[in-house]
C-alpha atoms as a PDB file:
ATOM      1  CA  MET A   1      77.852  92.300  61.821  1.00  0.00           C
ATOM      2  CA  HIS A   2      78.642  93.637  65.283  1.00  0.00           C
ATOM      3  CA  LYS A   3      76.144  95.688  67.075  1.00  0.00           C
ATOM      4  CA  GLN A   4      77.297  99.124  67.840  1.00  0.00           C
ATOM      5  CA  LEU A   5      78.695  99.373  71.363  1.00  0.00           C
ATOM      6  CA  ARG A   6      77.412 101.838  73.826  1.00  0.00           C
ATOM      7  CA  PRO A   7      78.716 105.482  73.431  1.00  0.00           C
ATOM      8  CA  GLY A   8      81.835 105.923  75.687  1.00  0.00           C
ATOM      9  CA  ARG A   9      83.507 102.683  74.626  1.00  0.00           C
ATOM     10  CA  ARG A  10      86.525 103.799  72.484  1.00  0.00           C
ATOM     11  CA  GLN A  11      87.381 101.526  69.405  1.00  0.00           C
ATOM     12  CA  MET A  12      91.052 101.459  69.068  1.00  0.00           C
ATOM     13  CA  ARG A  13      91.685  99.067  66.240  1.00  0.00           C
ATOM     14  CA  SER A  14      89.457  97.621  63.595  1.00  0.00           C
ATOM     15  CA  ALA A  15      91.074  95.378  60.962  1.00  0.00           C
ATOM     16  CA  GLY A  16      88.961  92.701  59.251  1.00  0.00           C
ATOM     17  CA  ARG A  17      87.589  90.542  62.136  1.00  0.00           C
ATOM     18  CA  ASN A  18      89.803  91.752  64.967  1.00  0.00           C
ATOM     19  CA  HIS A  19      88.662  94.593  67.153  1.00  0.00           C
ATOM     20  CA  VAL A  20      90.627  95.890  70.145  1.00  0.00           C
ATOM     21  CA  PHE A  21      89.514  98.422  72.811  1.00  0.00           C
ATOM     22  CA  ASN A  22      91.484 100.333  75.130  1.00  0.00           C
ATOM     23  CA  ILE A  23      90.650 100.387  78.777  1.00  0.00           C
ATOM     24  CA  GLY A  24      93.867 100.607  80.605  1.00  0.00           C
ATOM     25  CA  PRO A  25      97.585 101.067  79.963  1.00  0.00           C
ATOM     26  CA  PHE A  26      98.173  97.921  78.067  1.00  0.00           C
ATOM     27  CA  ALA A  27      96.178  98.458  74.950  1.00  0.00           C
ATOM     28  CA  PRO A  28      99.196  98.615  72.702  1.00  0.00           C
ATOM     29  CA  TYR A  29      99.843  95.043  73.636  1.00  0.00           C
ATOM     30  CA  CYS A  30      96.538  93.458  73.406  1.00  0.00           C
ATOM     31  CA  HIS A  31      96.627  92.432  69.899  1.00  0.00           C
ATOM     32  CA  TYR A  32      99.538  90.092  70.666  1.00  0.00           C
ATOM     33  CA  LEU A  33      97.687  88.755  73.657  1.00  0.00           C
ATOM     34  CA  SER A  34      94.434  88.038  71.847  1.00  0.00           C
ATOM     35  CA  PRO A  35      94.812  87.763  67.999  1.00  0.00           C
ATOM     36  CA  HIS A  36      91.997  85.238  67.465  1.00  0.00           C
ATOM     37  CA  CYS A  37      89.064  87.301  66.151  1.00  0.00           C
ATOM     38  CA  HIS A  38      87.994  88.461  69.589  1.00  0.00           C
ATOM     39  CA  SER A  39      87.418  91.881  71.012  1.00  0.00           C
ATOM     40  CA  THR A  40      89.903  92.549  73.763  1.00  0.00           C
ATOM     41  CA  PHE A  41      89.742  95.027  76.489  1.00  0.00           C
ATOM     42  CA  TRP A  42      91.350  95.696  79.901  1.00  0.00           C
ATOM     43  CA  LEU A  43      89.171  95.216  83.021  1.00  0.00           C
ATOM     44  CA  SER A  44      90.074  95.269  86.655  1.00  0.00           C
ATOM     45  CA  GLY A  45      93.736  94.367  85.971  1.00  0.00           C
ATOM     46  CA  ARG A  46      93.033  91.442  83.555  1.00  0.00           C
ATOM     47  CA  LEU A  47      92.887  91.231  79.816  1.00  0.00           C
ATOM     48  CA  TYR A  48      89.569  89.750  78.678  1.00  0.00           C
ATOM     49  CA  SER A  49      88.105  88.815  75.397  1.00  0.00           C
ATOM     50  CA  ILE A  50      84.582  88.580  74.113  1.00  0.00           C
ATOM     51  CA  ASN A  51      83.502  86.114  71.380  1.00  0.00           C
ATOM     52  CA  ARG A  52      82.306  87.946  68.315  1.00  0.00           C
ATOM     53  CA  SER A  53      78.776  86.447  68.946  1.00  0.00           C
ATOM     54  CA  PHE A  54      78.907  87.796  72.416  1.00  0.00           C
ATOM     55  CA  LEU A  55      77.705  91.151  71.058  1.00  0.00           C
ATOM     56  CA  THR A  56      74.725  89.608  69.117  1.00  0.00           C
ATOM     57  CA  LYS A  57      73.792  86.416  71.473  1.00  0.00           C
ATOM     58  CA  PRO A  58      74.615  87.494  75.018  1.00  0.00           C
ATOM     59  CA  ARG A  59      72.595  84.530  76.316  1.00  0.00           C
ATOM     60  CA  SER A  60      74.822  81.876  74.725  1.00  0.00           C
ATOM     61  CA  ASN A  61      78.329  83.254  75.326  1.00  0.00           C
ATOM     62  CA  ARG A  62      80.322  84.298  78.327  1.00  0.00           C
ATOM     63  CA  LEU A  63      83.122  86.497  79.241  1.00  0.00           C
ATOM     64  CA  THR A  64      86.482  84.613  79.142  1.00  0.00           C
ATOM     65  CA  MET A  65      90.191  85.472  79.526  1.00  0.00           C
ATOM     66  CA  ALA A  66      91.905  86.208  76.351  1.00  0.00           C
ATOM     67  CA  SER A  67      93.889  83.680  74.490  1.00  0.00           C
ATOM     68  CA  TYR A  68      97.671  84.367  74.751  1.00  0.00           C
ATOM     69  CA  SER A  69      98.912  82.263  71.786  1.00  0.00           C
ATOM     70  CA  PRO A  70      99.187  83.998  68.496  1.00  0.00           C
ATOM     71  CA  PRO A  71      98.916  81.911  65.353  1.00  0.00           C
ATOM     72  CA  SER A  72     102.014  79.802  64.726  1.00  0.00           C
ATOM     73  CA  ASN A  73     102.763  81.586  61.412  1.00  0.00           C
ATOM     74  CA  GLN A  74     102.465  85.119  62.846  1.00  0.00           C
ATOM     75  CA  ALA A  75     105.591  87.080  62.110  1.00  0.00           C
ATOM     76  CA  ASP A  76     107.567  88.554  65.022  1.00  0.00           C
ATOM     77  CA  ASP A  77     107.247  92.142  65.833  1.00  0.00           C
ATOM     78  CA  PRO A  78     110.590  93.567  66.591  1.00  0.00           C
ATOM     79  CA  VAL A  79     109.279  97.025  67.221  1.00  0.00           C
ATOM     80  CA  LEU A  80     106.703  95.848  69.799  1.00  0.00           C
ATOM     81  CA  PHE A  81     109.312  93.538  71.209  1.00  0.00           C
ATOM     82  CA  LYS A  82     111.853  96.341  71.945  1.00  0.00           C
ATOM     83  CA  LYS A  83     109.058  98.523  73.453  1.00  0.00           C
ATOM     84  CA  LEU A  84     107.952  95.762  75.723  1.00  0.00           C
ATOM     85  CA  ILE A  85     111.421  94.988  77.203  1.00  0.00           C
ATOM     86  CA  GLN A  86     112.010  98.619  78.223  1.00  0.00           C
ATOM     87  CA  LYS A  87     111.938  99.219  81.834  1.00  0.00           C
ATOM     88  CA  PRO A  88     108.879 101.405  82.820  1.00  0.00           C
ATOM     89  CA  LYS A  89     109.573 104.715  84.709  1.00  0.00           C
ATOM     90  CA  ILE A  90     106.949 103.397  87.162  1.00  0.00           C
ATOM     91  CA  ALA A  91     105.354  99.954  86.777  1.00  0.00           C
ATOM     92  CA  TRP A  92     101.854 100.905  87.988  1.00  0.00           C
ATOM     93  CA  PRO A  93     100.327  97.533  87.906  1.00  0.00           C
ATOM     94  CA  THR A  94     102.963  96.354  90.310  1.00  0.00           C
ATOM     95  CA  ILE A  95     102.462  99.324  92.527  1.00  0.00           C
ATOM     96  CA  ILE A  96      98.734  98.647  92.436  1.00  0.00           C
ATOM     97  CA  LEU A  97      99.449  94.801  93.331  1.00  0.00           C
ATOM     98  CA  LEU A  98     101.391  95.937  96.410  1.00  0.00           C
ATOM     99  CA  ILE A  99      98.576  98.230  97.656  1.00  0.00           C
ATOM    100  CA  ALA A 100      96.185  95.481  96.929  1.00  0.00           C
ATOM    101  CA  ALA A 101      98.224  92.958  98.938  1.00  0.00           C
ATOM    102  CA  TYR A 102      98.423  95.336 101.959  1.00  0.00           C
ATOM    103  CA  THR A 103      94.875  96.109 101.761  1.00  0.00           C
ATOM    104  CA  VAL A 104      93.781  92.546 101.755  1.00  0.00           C
ATOM    105  CA  PHE A 105      96.261  91.773 104.573  1.00  0.00           C
ATOM    106  CA  GLY A 106      95.023  94.647 106.732  1.00  0.00           C
ATOM    107  CA  LEU A 107      91.317  94.197 106.134  1.00  0.00           C
ATOM    108  CA  SER A 108      91.662  90.409 106.807  1.00  0.00           C
ATOM    109  CA  SER A 109      93.581  90.987 109.967  1.00  0.00           C
ATOM    110  CA  PHE A 110      91.228  93.582 111.325  1.00  0.00           C
ATOM    111  CA  ALA A 111      88.152  91.507 110.571  1.00  0.00           C
ATOM    112  CA  PHE A 112      89.403  88.665 112.401  1.00  0.00           C
ATOM    113  CA  VAL A 113      90.573  90.563 115.549  1.00  0.00           C
ATOM    114  CA  SER A 114      87.083  92.254 115.487  1.00  0.00           C
ATOM    115  CA  ASP A 115      85.502  88.797 115.398  1.00  0.00           C
ATOM    116  CA  SER A 116      84.014  89.531 111.911  1.00  0.00           C
ATOM    117  CA  LEU A 117      86.052  86.733 110.213  1.00  0.00           C
ATOM    118  CA  PRO A 118      86.764  83.110 111.075  1.00  0.00           C
ATOM    119  CA  LEU A 119      90.421  82.299 111.480  1.00  0.00           C
ATOM    120  CA  ILE A 120      90.807  79.894 108.546  1.00  0.00           C
ATOM    121  CA  TRP A 121      89.617  82.718 106.241  1.00  0.00           C
ATOM    122  CA  ALA A 122      91.950  85.305 107.793  1.00  0.00           C
ATOM    123  CA  VAL A 123      94.959  82.905 107.423  1.00  0.00           C
ATOM    124  CA  LEU A 124      93.934  82.243 103.753  1.00  0.00           C
ATOM    125  CA  PHE A 125      93.482  85.909 102.864  1.00  0.00           C
ATOM    126  CA  ASN A 126      96.804  86.861 104.584  1.00  0.00           C
ATOM    127  CA  ALA A 127      98.438  83.946 102.657  1.00  0.00           C
ATOM    128  CA  ILE A 128      97.185  85.269  99.499  1.00  0.00           C
ATOM    129  CA  ALA A 129      98.273  88.915 100.311  1.00  0.00           C
ATOM    130  CA  SER A 130     101.777  87.656 101.034  1.00  0.00           C
ATOM    131  CA  TYR A 131     101.805  85.665  97.859  1.00  0.00           C
ATOM    132  CA  MET A 132     100.881  88.837  95.961  1.00  0.00           C
ATOM    133  CA  ALA A 133     103.650  90.880  97.663  1.00  0.00           C
ATOM    134  CA  PHE A 134     106.305  88.272  96.435  1.00  0.00           C
ATOM    135  CA  THR A 135     105.842  89.197  92.805  1.00  0.00           C
ATOM    136  CA  VAL A 136     106.286  92.945  93.863  1.00  0.00           C
ATOM    137  CA  ALA A 137     109.530  92.047  95.724  1.00  0.00           C
ATOM    138  CA  HIS A 138     110.704  89.707  92.981  1.00  0.00           C
ATOM    139  CA  ASP A 139     110.229  92.371  90.217  1.00  0.00           C
ATOM    140  CA  ALA A 140     112.045  94.940  92.459  1.00  0.00           C
ATOM    141  CA  THR A 141     115.098  92.659  92.739  1.00  0.00           C
ATOM    142  CA  HIS A 142     115.496  93.131  88.945  1.00  0.00           C
ATOM    143  CA  SER A 143     114.804  96.746  89.182  1.00  0.00           C
ATOM    144  CA  SER A 144     111.529  96.405  87.163  1.00  0.00           C
ATOM    145  CA  VAL A 145     109.261  98.473  89.539  1.00  0.00           C
ATOM    146  CA  SER A 146     110.663 101.726  88.514  1.00  0.00           C
ATOM    147  CA  SER A 147     113.775 103.358  86.592  1.00  0.00           C
ATOM    148  CA  ASN A 148     114.229 105.354  89.834  1.00  0.00           C
ATOM    149  CA  ARG A 149     116.497 103.047  91.924  1.00  0.00           C
ATOM    150  CA  ARG A 150     115.608 104.453  95.359  1.00  0.00           C
ATOM    151  CA  LEU A 151     111.723 104.198  94.637  1.00  0.00           C
ATOM    152  CA  ASN A 152     112.238 100.690  93.240  1.00  0.00           C
ATOM    153  CA  ASP A 153     114.181  99.385  96.232  1.00  0.00           C
ATOM    154  CA  TRP A 154     111.738 100.907  98.721  1.00  0.00           C
ATOM    155  CA  VAL A 155     108.812  99.340  96.933  1.00  0.00           C
ATOM    156  CA  GLY A 156     110.891  95.965  97.232  1.00  0.00           C
ATOM    157  CA  ARG A 157     111.383  96.340 100.873  1.00  0.00           C
ATOM    158  CA  ALA A 158     107.564  96.890 101.368  1.00  0.00           C
ATOM    159  CA  GLY A 159     107.114  93.752  99.353  1.00  0.00           C
ATOM    160  CA  VAL A 160     109.484  91.665 101.342  1.00  0.00           C
ATOM    161  CA  SER A 161     108.077  93.000 104.684  1.00  0.00           C
ATOM    162  CA  LEU A 162     104.884  90.999 103.907  1.00  0.00           C
ATOM    163  CA  LEU A 163     106.900  87.906 103.648  1.00  0.00           C
ATOM    164  CA  GLU A 164     109.604  88.140 106.352  1.00  0.00           C
ATOM    165  CA  PRO A 165     109.797  89.655 109.790  1.00  0.00           C
ATOM    166  CA  GLY A 166     111.939  92.482 108.486  1.00  0.00           C
ATOM    167  CA  PRO A 167     112.654  94.313 105.103  1.00  0.00           C
ATOM    168  CA  PHE A 168     115.405  91.751 104.137  1.00  0.00           C
ATOM    169  CA  PHE A 169     115.351  93.081 100.515  1.00  0.00           C
ATOM    170  CA  LEU A 170     118.916  93.295  99.626  1.00  0.00           C
ATOM    171  CA  LEU A 171     119.572  89.779 100.976  1.00  0.00           C
ATOM    172  CA  PHE A 172     116.682  88.510  98.712  1.00  0.00           C
ATOM    173  CA  ARG A 173     118.117  90.371  95.657  1.00  0.00           C
ATOM    174  CA  PHE A 174     121.653  88.925  96.196  1.00  0.00           C
ATOM    175  CA  ILE A 175     120.308  85.390  96.529  1.00  0.00           C
ATOM    176  CA  HIS A 176     117.908  85.693  93.637  1.00  0.00           C
ATOM    177  CA  MET A 177     120.846  87.036  91.490  1.00  0.00           C
ATOM    178  CA  GLN A 178     122.685  83.847  92.319  1.00  0.00           C
ATOM    179  CA  HIS A 179     119.698  81.749  91.112  1.00  0.00           C
ATOM    180  CA  HIS A 180     119.674  83.333  87.809  1.00  0.00           C
ATOM    181  CA  ARG A 181     123.360  83.211  87.282  1.00  0.00           C
ATOM    182  CA  PHE A 182     123.661  79.604  88.256  1.00  0.00           C
ATOM    183  CA  THR A 183     120.127  78.208  87.545  1.00  0.00           C
ATOM    184  CA  ASN A 184     120.045  74.409  88.312  1.00  0.00           C
ATOM    185  CA  ASP A 185     123.700  74.306  89.403  1.00  0.00           C
ATOM    186  CA  GLU A 186     123.487  71.968  92.310  1.00  0.00           C
ATOM    187  CA  HIS A 187     126.375  73.703  94.174  1.00  0.00           C
ATOM    188  CA  LYS A 188     125.829  77.432  93.227  1.00  0.00           C
ATOM    189  CA  ASP A 189     122.060  77.857  92.875  1.00  0.00           C
ATOM    190  CA  PRO A 190     120.257  78.469  96.200  1.00  0.00           C
ATOM    191  CA  ASP A 191     116.970  77.440  94.794  1.00  0.00           C
ATOM    192  CA  PHE A 192     118.247  73.993  93.813  1.00  0.00           C
ATOM    193  CA  TYR A 193     117.284  73.001  97.316  1.00  0.00           C
ATOM    194  CA  SER A 194     113.685  73.066  96.353  1.00  0.00           C
ATOM    195  CA  GLY A 195     114.140  70.058  94.029  1.00  0.00           C
ATOM    196  CA  LYS A 196     116.577  68.018  96.047  1.00  0.00           C
ATOM    197  CA  GLY A 197     115.877  64.766  98.052  1.00  0.00           C
ATOM    198  CA  PRO A 198     112.827  62.268  98.169  1.00  0.00           C
ATOM    199  CA  ALA A 199     109.361  63.410  96.928  1.00  0.00           C
ATOM    200  CA  TRP A 200     107.840  63.076 100.354  1.00  0.00           C
ATOM    201  CA  LEU A 201     110.453  65.613 101.749  1.00  0.00           C
ATOM    202  CA  LEU A 202     109.866  68.262  99.132  1.00  0.00           C
ATOM    203  CA  PRO A 203     107.080  70.059 100.818  1.00  0.00           C
ATOM    204  CA  LEU A 204     109.193  70.623 103.972  1.00  0.00           C
ATOM    205  CA  ARG A 205     111.891  71.981 101.636  1.00  0.00           C
ATOM    206  CA  TRP A 206     109.356  74.338 100.049  1.00  0.00           C
ATOM    207  CA  LEU A 207     108.419  75.539 103.629  1.00  0.00           C
ATOM    208  CA  THR A 208     112.019  76.213 104.625  1.00  0.00           C
ATOM    209  CA  LEU A 209     113.785  77.638 101.398  1.00  0.00           C
ATOM    210  CA  ASP A 210     114.120  81.141 103.036  1.00  0.00           C
ATOM    211  CA  GLY A 211     116.025  79.715 105.762  1.00  0.00           C
ATOM    212  CA  VAL A 212     118.547  78.482 103.139  1.00  0.00           C
ATOM    213  CA  TYR A 213     118.654  81.940 101.838  1.00  0.00           C
ATOM    214  CA  PHE A 214     119.822  83.301 105.217  1.00  0.00           C
ATOM    215  CA  ARG A 215     122.263  80.455 105.673  1.00  0.00           C
ATOM    216  CA  VAL A 216     123.858  81.123 102.250  1.00  0.00           C
ATOM    217  CA  TYR A 217     123.912  84.842 102.776  1.00  0.00           C
ATOM    218  CA  LEU A 218     125.399  84.580 106.155  1.00  0.00           C
ATOM    219  CA  ASN A 219     128.270  82.276 105.128  1.00  0.00           C
ATOM    220  CA  SER A 220     131.366  84.163 106.321  1.00  0.00           C
ATOM    221  CA  ASP A 221     132.909  84.010 102.928  1.00  0.00           C
ATOM    222  CA  THR A 222     129.696  85.689 101.356  1.00  0.00           C
ATOM    223  CA  PHE A 223     128.651  88.086 103.993  1.00  0.00           C
ATOM    224  CA  LYS A 224     132.016  89.875 104.542  1.00  0.00           C
ATOM    225  CA  ARG A 225     132.109  90.443 100.759  1.00  0.00           C
ATOM    226  CA  ARG A 226     128.843  92.280 100.712  1.00  0.00           C
ATOM    227  CA  PRO A 227     129.119  96.078 100.582  1.00  0.00           C
ATOM    228  CA  LYS A 228     129.157  97.777 103.945  1.00  0.00           C
ATOM    229  CA  SER A 229     125.944  99.610 103.296  1.00  0.00           C
ATOM    230  CA  GLU A 230     124.169  96.288 102.606  1.00  0.00           C
ATOM    231  CA  ARG A 231     125.542  94.671 105.689  1.00  0.00           C
ATOM    232  CA  ARG A 232     124.325  97.598 107.581  1.00  0.00           C
ATOM    233  CA  GLU A 233     120.698  97.384 106.062  1.00  0.00           C
ATOM    234  CA  PHE A 234     120.737  93.757 107.209  1.00  0.00           C
ATOM    235  CA  TYR A 235     121.596  94.468 110.739  1.00  0.00           C
ATOM    236  CA  LEU A 236     118.865  97.221 110.647  1.00  0.00           C
ATOM    237  CA  ALA A 237     116.305  94.742 109.299  1.00  0.00           C
ATOM    238  CA  VAL A 238     117.088  92.298 112.009  1.00  0.00           C
ATOM    239  CA  LEU A 239     116.541  95.054 114.562  1.00  0.00           C
ATOM    240  CA  PHE A 240     113.434  96.052 112.900  1.00  0.00           C
ATOM    241  CA  GLY A 241     112.092  92.423 112.962  1.00  0.00           C
ATOM    242  CA  ALA A 242     113.191  91.836 116.619  1.00  0.00           C
ATOM    243  CA  ALA A 243     111.566  95.174 117.551  1.00  0.00           C
ATOM    244  CA  ILE A 244     108.203  94.106 115.956  1.00  0.00           C
ATOM    245  CA  ILE A 245     108.359  90.717 117.833  1.00  0.00           C
ATOM    246  CA  ILE A 246     109.242  92.336 121.228  1.00  0.00           C
ATOM    247  CA  ALA A 247     106.344  94.869 120.856  1.00  0.00           C
ATOM    248  CA  VAL A 248     103.727  92.473 119.963  1.00  0.00           C
ATOM    249  CA  THR A 249     104.921  90.100 122.858  1.00  0.00           C
ATOM    250  CA  LEU A 250     104.727  93.045 125.499  1.00  0.00           C
ATOM    251  CA  ALA A 251     101.330  94.144 124.039  1.00  0.00           C
ATOM    252  CA  GLY A 252     100.028  90.508 124.589  1.00  0.00           C
ATOM    253  CA  TRP A 253      99.548  90.109 120.833  1.00  0.00           C
ATOM    254  CA  LEU A 254     102.073  87.438 120.106  1.00  0.00           C
ATOM    255  CA  HIS A 255      99.193  84.946 119.312  1.00  0.00           C
ATOM    256  CA  TYR A 256      97.881  87.422 116.562  1.00  0.00           C
ATOM    257  CA  TYR A 257     101.381  87.792 114.983  1.00  0.00           C
ATOM    258  CA  LEU A 258     101.702  83.917 114.921  1.00  0.00           C
ATOM    259  CA  LEU A 259      98.151  83.391 113.618  1.00  0.00           C
ATOM    260  CA  LEU A 260      97.974  86.391 111.164  1.00  0.00           C
ATOM    261  CA  PHE A 261     101.515  86.595 109.996  1.00  0.00           C
ATOM    262  CA  PHE A 262     103.869  83.769 110.658  1.00  0.00           C
ATOM    263  CA  ILE A 263     101.539  80.963 109.668  1.00  0.00           C
ATOM    264  CA  PRO A 264      99.992  82.760 106.537  1.00  0.00           C
ATOM    265  CA  THR A 265     103.495  83.714 105.385  1.00  0.00           C
ATOM    266  CA  ARG A 266     104.802  80.297 105.758  1.00  0.00           C
ATOM    267  CA  ILE A 267     101.960  78.961 103.733  1.00  0.00           C
ATOM    268  CA  ALA A 268     102.618  81.428 101.090  1.00  0.00           C
ATOM    269  CA  LYS A 269     106.254  80.472 100.984  1.00  0.00           C
ATOM    270  CA  LEU A 270     105.404  76.767 100.376  1.00  0.00           C
ATOM    271  CA  PHE A 271     103.240  77.781  97.313  1.00  0.00           C
ATOM    272  CA  ILE A 272     105.774  80.337  96.081  1.00  0.00           C
ATOM    273  CA  THR A 273     108.689  77.853  96.355  1.00  0.00           C
ATOM    274  CA  PHE A 274     106.608  75.250  94.519  1.00  0.00           C
ATOM    275  CA  ALA A 275     105.372  77.467  91.681  1.00  0.00           C
ATOM    276  CA  PHE A 276     108.381  79.695  91.132  1.00  0.00           C
ATOM    277  CA  ASP A 277     111.372  77.352  91.942  1.00  0.00           C
ATOM    278  CA  PHE A 278     110.349  73.781  91.827  1.00  0.00           C
ATOM    279  CA  LEU A 279     107.831  73.613  88.795  1.00  0.00           C
ATOM    280  CA  PRO A 280     109.568  75.839  86.292  1.00  0.00           C
ATOM    281  CA  HIS A 281     112.992  74.337  86.703  1.00  0.00           C
ATOM    282  CA  TYR A 282     112.034  70.597  86.921  1.00  0.00           C
ATOM    283  CA  PRO A 283     113.765  68.169  86.303  1.00  0.00           C
ATOM    284  CA  HIS A 284     116.600  70.620  87.436  1.00  0.00           C
ATOM    285  CA  LYS A 285     119.134  69.102  84.903  1.00  0.00           C
ATOM    286  CA  ALA A 286     119.808  71.823  82.280  1.00  0.00           C
ATOM    287  CA  THR A 287     121.895  74.788  83.555  1.00  0.00           C
ATOM    288  CA  ALA A 288     121.690  78.535  82.667  1.00  0.00           C
ATOM    289  CA  LYS A 289     125.282  78.481  81.412  1.00  0.00           C
ATOM    290  CA  ASP A 290     124.849  75.512  79.100  1.00  0.00           C
ATOM    291  CA  GLU A 291     121.189  75.627  78.012  1.00  0.00           C
ATOM    292  CA  PRO A 292     119.425  79.021  78.722  1.00  0.00           C
ATOM    293  CA  TYR A 293     116.354  77.946  76.867  1.00  0.00           C
ATOM    294  CA  ARG A 294     116.002  74.592  78.514  1.00  0.00           C
ATOM    295  CA  CYS A 295     116.885  75.257  82.264  1.00  0.00           C
ATOM    296  CA  THR A 296     113.555  76.984  82.687  1.00  0.00           C
ATOM    297  CA  THR A 297     110.102  76.094  81.254  1.00  0.00           C
ATOM    298  CA  ASN A 298     107.062  77.946  79.859  1.00  0.00           C
ATOM    299  CA  ARG A 299     103.830  76.270  81.173  1.00  0.00           C
ATOM    300  CA  VAL A 300     101.628  76.675  78.093  1.00  0.00           C
ATOM    301  CA  GLY A 301      97.762  76.108  78.040  1.00  0.00           C
ATOM    302  CA  MET A 302      94.836  77.550  79.902  1.00  0.00           C
ATOM    303  CA  GLU A 303      96.495  80.895  80.239  1.00  0.00           C
ATOM    304  CA  TRP A 304      93.039  82.321  81.252  1.00  0.00           C
ATOM    305  CA  LEU A 305      93.446  80.318  84.577  1.00  0.00           C
ATOM    306  CA  MET A 306      97.131  79.839  84.843  1.00  0.00           C
ATOM    307  CA  THR A 307      98.243  83.485  84.372  1.00  0.00           C
ATOM    308  CA  PRO A 308      96.352  85.013  87.239  1.00  0.00           C
ATOM    309  CA  ILE A 309      97.191  82.050  89.546  1.00  0.00           C
ATOM    310  CA  PHE A 310     100.944  82.428  88.723  1.00  0.00           C
ATOM    311  CA  LEU A 311     100.876  86.089  88.080  1.00  0.00           C
ATOM    312  CA  SER A 312     102.375  85.469  84.573  1.00  0.00           C
ATOM    313  CA  GLN A 313     105.263  83.335  85.950  1.00  0.00           C
ATOM    314  CA  ASN A 314     103.619  80.328  84.084  1.00  0.00           C
ATOM    315  CA  TYR A 315     105.920  81.875  81.471  1.00  0.00           C
ATOM    316  CA  HIS A 316     108.861  81.617  83.771  1.00  0.00           C
ATOM    317  CA  LEU A 317     111.327  80.951  80.890  1.00  0.00           C
ATOM    318  CA  VAL A 318     110.520  84.532  79.467  1.00  0.00           C
ATOM    319  CA  HIS A 319     111.381  85.948  82.917  1.00  0.00           C
ATOM    320  CA  HIS A 320     114.840  84.180  82.797  1.00  0.00           C
ATOM    321  CA  LEU A 321     115.580  85.257  79.262  1.00  0.00           C
ATOM    322  CA  TYR A 322     114.604  88.873  79.999  1.00  0.00           C
ATOM    323  CA  PRO A 323     114.579  89.334  83.872  1.00  0.00           C
ATOM    324  CA  THR A 324     114.085  93.104  83.808  1.00  0.00           C
ATOM    325  CA  VAL A 325     110.727  92.743  82.121  1.00  0.00           C
ATOM    326  CA  PRO A 326     107.770  93.441  84.545  1.00  0.00           C
ATOM    327  CA  PHE A 327     105.681  90.405  85.293  1.00  0.00           C
ATOM    328  CA  TYR A 328     102.681  91.761  83.376  1.00  0.00           C
ATOM    329  CA  ARG A 329     104.540  91.989  80.152  1.00  0.00           C
ATOM    330  CA  LEU A 330     106.056  88.540  80.012  1.00  0.00           C
ATOM    331  CA  ILE A 331     103.502  86.863  77.789  1.00  0.00           C
ATOM    332  CA  GLY A 332     103.474  89.830  75.475  1.00  0.00           C
ATOM    333  CA  VAL A 333     107.338  89.623  75.166  1.00  0.00           C
ATOM    334  CA  TRP A 334     107.055  85.974  74.277  1.00  0.00           C
ATOM    335  CA  ASN A 335     104.408  86.470  71.664  1.00  0.00           C
ATOM    336  CA  ALA A 336     106.113  89.532  70.116  1.00  0.00           C
ATOM    337  CA  ARG A 337     109.198  87.326  69.339  1.00  0.00           C
ATOM    338  CA  LYS A 338     107.634  84.022  69.324  1.00  0.00           C
ATOM    339  CA  GLN A 339     109.065  82.656  66.076  1.00  0.00           C
ATOM    340  CA  TYR A 340     112.642  83.341  67.245  1.00  0.00           C
ATOM    341  CA  HIS A 341     111.984  81.930  70.583  1.00  0.00           C
ATOM    342  CA  LEU A 342     110.573  78.626  69.184  1.00  0.00           C
ATOM    343  CA  SER A 343     113.508  78.345  66.897  1.00  0.00           C
ATOM    344  CA  GLN A 344     115.786  77.979  70.055  1.00  0.00           C
ATOM    345  CA  ASN A 345     114.024  74.750  71.082  1.00  0.00           C
ATOM    346  CA  PRO A 346     112.648  76.223  74.354  1.00  0.00           C
ATOM    347  CA  ALA A 347     111.532  73.978  77.233  1.00  0.00           C
ATOM    348  CA  ILE A 348     107.658  73.910  76.984  1.00  0.00           C
ATOM    349  CA  THR A 349     105.483  72.202  79.634  1.00  0.00           C
ATOM    350  CA  ASP A 350     101.847  71.326  79.166  1.00  0.00           C
ATOM    351  CA  THR A 351      99.339  72.861  81.776  1.00  0.00           C
ATOM    352  CA  PHE A 352      99.132  70.045  84.135  1.00  0.00           C
ATOM    353  CA  SER A 353     102.318  68.152  83.235  1.00  0.00           C
ATOM    354  CA  LEU A 354     105.546  68.123  85.446  1.00  0.00           C
ATOM    355  CA  HIS A 355     107.947  67.164  82.624  1.00  0.00           C
ATOM    356  CA  PRO A 356     108.735  69.375  79.650  1.00  0.00           C
ATOM    357  CA  ARG A 357     107.625  68.049  76.250  1.00  0.00           C
ATOM    358  CA  GLU A 358     110.097  65.561  74.784  1.00  0.00           C
ATOM    359  CA  ASN A 359     110.380  67.366  71.513  1.00  0.00           C
ATOM    360  CA  SER A 360     109.880  70.923  72.758  1.00  0.00           C
END
């Protein structure tokens, strides 16, 4: 028997051995994220589970991330699935992630400039902040941040601005849509660049993928066909970036710009390209047109670790199947319709494997 929780904790569901508590906006989805006889709750932006015995033997148990895999015989839940794939009016976790990214970047930069933080830590923290901002910008390209298009796009511009010298959001959206449409097509998928060439050259490609984006976008046949308003915004973004660089140079802060922005964002882009472009699409053979369930993989296992590291894109296949779903719902969407998904012979990769399972 469980001991009674302290007053103030709200019990939301009690069915047999499963108990789910609501602390945060995602309680309706908790059961699908942690169905294995655990108590699940929301804390500081993460779903956690406590072993049943945690309540009676606190010395011998520890807090762990919730299991994300429901029993293999658990039936699909079409009602929950339909609810999860709906665009939110405002994706508050994504907004909070953006605020957190700018907060980390700002505090880290200030601490370094004021001689309170060593350079190596400032670079690391700013790279992490830039990495966090990418998920925001990425979701915004799919209009997953808000059903209000204007708000969604401004959040996207803010996210991109922590990755590039200027708010090149519409450029990123166009290129990313090409990636979704032509996934793993050597001639049409801009992200295919991340997996081409000899292995020793790949890290250099991961560092420079955004350069390919600009080259593809500015191709005369492409750029002149983009809407006039989009081309105007591109020019304004260039002017904005140039103005920032000129301003910091005239102020004598160019070295700060290079150390606190250019180098950290370049490091972030290396990991972003590796984690979001190279890994989930390796070996870059199946295409979206021919094999939508095989051109992208889900990295299954150790979700308690992989999900916060990859910000749920360890289930990148789900993102390609349902691109408008916010990042924090991806695993819930997969589990709510898991039986159907598994029947499609999806590409599944084990936690630390490079190749998908042979019989997945």
